[in-house]
Amino acid sequence: MDRPERSHDARHTRYGQLIADLSQRWDDSNVHESVTLSREYGSAGATQFVEVLWSPGVVDRDPEDMDVWLKLSVYPNLIEVLGVFASERIVSETILFKMWGGSIITAWKEWEEPVRKLREFTHDPHVWEYFEGLASAMQRIETVGFPETKKAKLLRLLRRQPLNDRRVVP
């Protein structure tokens, strides 16, 4: 096995391990608790927590409310991490869509209102921005389909060339 092939195999092994680790994290009991709480409270309930905890003038936050909020926010925090990984091209949007696309789309529908309110109250437009970006990417893939791979694009372009002009470009 030559060096480029070993490097390619090592990358695939690391990538596979990362996906396995993310799958484990997705199935974590804290994430399940967060999803369950999110569904119990719904978008309106999560928005109420944002208003109670971060409205202008709030000084003393009820520790029980904070505890519930911290449990609620585990799920969007996980999706935020996935969004960062996708934006940095550590994990492809295609893989994320195949594994969790529908769940991410649904999560954003449930969290969009509380996130917008949290951004407003904290004056931070970046709160869960990678969650939002990943949800948008998942919606785009659901609507338009998977992005074309480099190999597929190359094959498509080669098929358009006349037969006598098929050259391999390094």
Protein backbone atom coordinates (compact mmCIF):
# COMPACT_ATOMS: atom_id res chain seq x y z
CA MET A 1 0.00 0.00 0.00
CA ASP A 2 1.49 3.33 -1.01
CA ARG A 3 1.49 6.46 1.12
CA PRO A 4 -1.51 8.31 -0.49
CA GLU A 5 -3.66 5.19 -0.14
CA ARG A 6 -2.75 4.83 3.55
CA SER A 7 -3.50 8.50 4.11
CA HIS A 8 -6.89 8.09 2.41
CA ASP A 9 -7.66 5.00 4.52
CA ALA A 10 -6.64 6.81 7.71
CA ARG A 11 -8.92 9.76 6.86
CA HIS A 12 -11.84 7.41 6.24
CA THR A 13 -11.17 5.62 9.51
CA ARG A 14 -11.10 8.92 11.44
CA TYR A 15 -14.24 10.11 9.63
CA GLY A 16 -16.00 6.84 10.42
CA GLN A 17 -15.01 7.13 14.08
CA LEU A 18 -16.30 10.71 14.22
CA ILE A 19 -19.65 9.62 12.77
CA ALA A 20 -19.84 6.76 15.28
CA ASP A 21 -19.06 9.20 18.13
CA LEU A 22 -21.72 11.64 16.90
CA SER A 23 -24.24 8.81 16.68
CA GLN A 24 -23.49 7.86 20.26
CA ARG A 25 -23.87 11.44 21.36
CA TRP A 26 -27.17 11.75 19.46
CA ASP A 27 -28.44 8.71 21.40
CA ASP A 28 -27.22 10.02 24.77
CA SER A 29 -29.78 10.05 27.60
CA ASN A 30 -29.31 13.82 28.10
CA VAL A 31 -30.23 14.41 24.46
CA HIS A 32 -33.28 12.17 24.79
CA GLU A 33 -34.33 14.09 27.91
CA SER A 34 -33.87 17.37 26.06
CA VAL A 35 -35.93 16.22 23.08
CA THR A 36 -38.67 14.97 25.41
CA LEU A 37 -38.74 18.28 27.29
CA SER A 38 -38.71 20.22 24.01
CA ARG A 39 -41.77 18.32 22.83
CA GLU A 40 -43.52 18.76 26.19
CA TYR A 41 -42.95 22.51 26.31
CA GLY A 42 -43.16 23.10 22.58
CA SER A 43 -42.02 26.27 20.87
CA ALA A 44 -44.30 28.46 22.98
CA GLY A 45 -43.02 26.96 26.24
CA ALA A 46 -39.37 27.33 25.23
CA THR A 47 -40.09 30.93 24.23
CA GLN A 48 -41.65 31.50 27.67
CA PHE A 49 -38.45 30.25 29.31
CA VAL A 50 -36.45 32.69 27.18
CA GLU A 51 -38.73 35.53 28.23
CA VAL A 52 -38.60 34.58 31.93
CA LEU A 53 -34.84 34.11 31.95
CA TRP A 54 -33.53 36.75 29.51
CA SER A 55 -36.12 39.52 29.20
CA PRO A 56 -34.65 42.99 29.72
CA GLY A 57 -34.51 43.79 33.42
CA VAL A 58 -34.37 40.20 34.65
CA VAL A 59 -31.89 40.12 37.51
CA ASP A 60 -32.71 37.06 39.60
CA ARG A 61 -33.23 33.89 37.65
CA ASP A 62 -35.08 31.06 39.33
CA PRO A 63 -32.60 28.17 39.68
CA GLU A 64 -35.32 25.64 38.79
CA ASP A 65 -36.11 27.53 35.58
CA MET A 66 -32.39 27.64 34.76
CA ASP A 67 -32.13 23.89 35.39
CA VAL A 68 -35.00 23.19 33.00
CA TRP A 69 -33.50 25.59 30.43
CA LEU A 70 -30.13 23.88 30.61
CA LYS A 71 -31.80 20.51 30.05
CA LEU A 72 -33.89 21.91 27.18
CA SER A 73 -30.88 23.44 25.46
CA VAL A 74 -28.86 20.20 25.22
CA TYR A 75 -30.54 19.23 21.92
CA PRO A 76 -30.08 22.55 20.12
CA ASN A 77 -26.51 22.68 21.45
CA LEU A 78 -25.82 19.29 19.84
CA ILE A 79 -27.27 20.45 16.53
CA GLU A 80 -25.17 23.62 16.82
CA VAL A 81 -22.06 21.42 17.09
CA LEU A 82 -23.15 19.47 14.00
CA GLY A 83 -23.69 22.78 12.22
CA VAL A 84 -20.16 23.92 13.10
CA PHE A 85 -18.76 20.60 11.85
CA ALA A 86 -20.69 21.02 8.58
CA SER A 87 -19.58 24.64 8.13
CA GLU A 88 -15.96 23.61 8.65
CA ARG A 89 -16.45 20.64 6.28
CA ILE A 90 -15.54 18.17 9.00
CA VAL A 91 -18.75 16.27 8.24
CA SER A 92 -20.67 16.59 5.00
CA GLU A 93 -24.18 17.98 4.91
CA THR A 94 -25.15 14.93 2.87
CA ILE A 95 -24.11 12.55 5.66
CA LEU A 96 -25.87 14.68 8.26
CA PHE A 97 -29.02 14.75 6.14
CA LYS A 98 -28.99 10.99 5.65
CA MET A 99 -28.57 10.42 9.37
CA TRP A 100 -30.61 13.20 11.03
CA GLY A 101 -31.95 15.57 8.36
CA GLY A 102 -35.62 15.22 9.24
CA SER A 103 -34.95 15.56 12.95
CA ILE A 104 -32.84 18.69 12.42
CA ILE A 105 -35.54 20.29 10.24
CA THR A 106 -38.20 19.51 12.85
CA ALA A 107 -35.99 20.78 15.67
CA TRP A 108 -35.48 24.13 13.93
CA LYS A 109 -39.24 24.50 13.40
CA GLU A 110 -39.68 23.99 17.15
CA TRP A 111 -36.77 26.23 18.15
CA GLU A 112 -36.90 29.06 15.60
CA GLU A 113 -39.15 31.33 17.69
CA PRO A 114 -37.27 30.84 21.00
CA VAL A 115 -33.93 31.35 19.23
CA ARG A 116 -35.07 34.60 17.62
CA LYS A 117 -36.35 35.86 20.97
CA LEU A 118 -33.10 34.83 22.70
CA ARG A 119 -31.08 36.69 20.06
CA GLU A 120 -33.23 39.76 20.58
CA PHE A 121 -32.94 39.75 24.38
CA THR A 122 -29.22 38.98 24.47
CA HIS A 123 -28.38 41.30 21.57
CA ASP A 124 -26.40 38.41 20.09
CA PRO A 125 -27.33 37.54 16.50
CA HIS A 126 -25.00 34.53 16.60
CA VAL A 127 -26.93 32.46 19.16
CA TRP A 128 -27.33 29.01 17.58
CA GLU A 129 -26.54 30.39 14.12
CA TYR A 130 -24.95 27.11 13.03
CA PHE A 131 -28.08 25.26 14.13
CA GLU A 132 -30.10 27.59 11.90
CA GLY A 133 -27.64 27.24 9.02
CA LEU A 134 -27.64 23.46 9.24
CA ALA A 135 -31.44 23.36 9.35
CA SER A 136 -31.52 25.54 6.22
CA ALA A 137 -29.07 23.19 4.50
CA MET A 138 -31.19 20.18 5.50
CA GLN A 139 -34.32 21.88 4.13
CA ARG A 140 -32.49 22.69 0.88
CA ILE A 141 -31.40 19.07 0.47
CA GLU A 142 -34.92 17.87 1.23
CA THR A 143 -36.32 20.23 -1.40
CA VAL A 144 -33.65 20.17 -4.12
CA GLY A 145 -31.78 16.94 -3.47
CA PHE A 146 -28.21 16.07 -2.63
CA PRO A 147 -25.42 18.29 -3.90
CA GLU A 148 -23.50 16.93 -6.84
CA THR A 149 -20.22 15.24 -5.88
CA LYS A 150 -16.97 16.30 -7.56
CA LYS A 151 -16.77 12.90 -9.24
CA ALA A 152 -20.34 13.14 -10.56
CA LYS A 153 -19.71 16.66 -11.84
CA LEU A 154 -16.52 15.55 -13.61
CA LEU A 155 -18.33 12.62 -15.23
CA ARG A 156 -21.19 14.89 -16.30
CA LEU A 157 -18.75 17.37 -17.84
CA LEU A 158 -16.79 14.61 -19.58
CA ARG A 159 -20.00 13.26 -21.14
CA ARG A 160 -20.64 16.65 -22.72
CA GLN A 161 -17.28 16.71 -24.53
CA PRO A 162 -17.05 15.35 -28.08
CA LEU A 163 -15.58 11.84 -28.19
CA ASN A 164 -12.39 12.98 -29.96
CA ASP A 165 -11.70 15.58 -27.24
CA ARG A 166 -11.71 13.46 -24.08
CA ARG A 167 -8.60 14.38 -22.20
CA VAL A 168 -7.66 13.71 -18.65
CA VAL A 169 -6.71 16.96 -17.02
CA PRO A 170 -4.33 16.60 -14.08
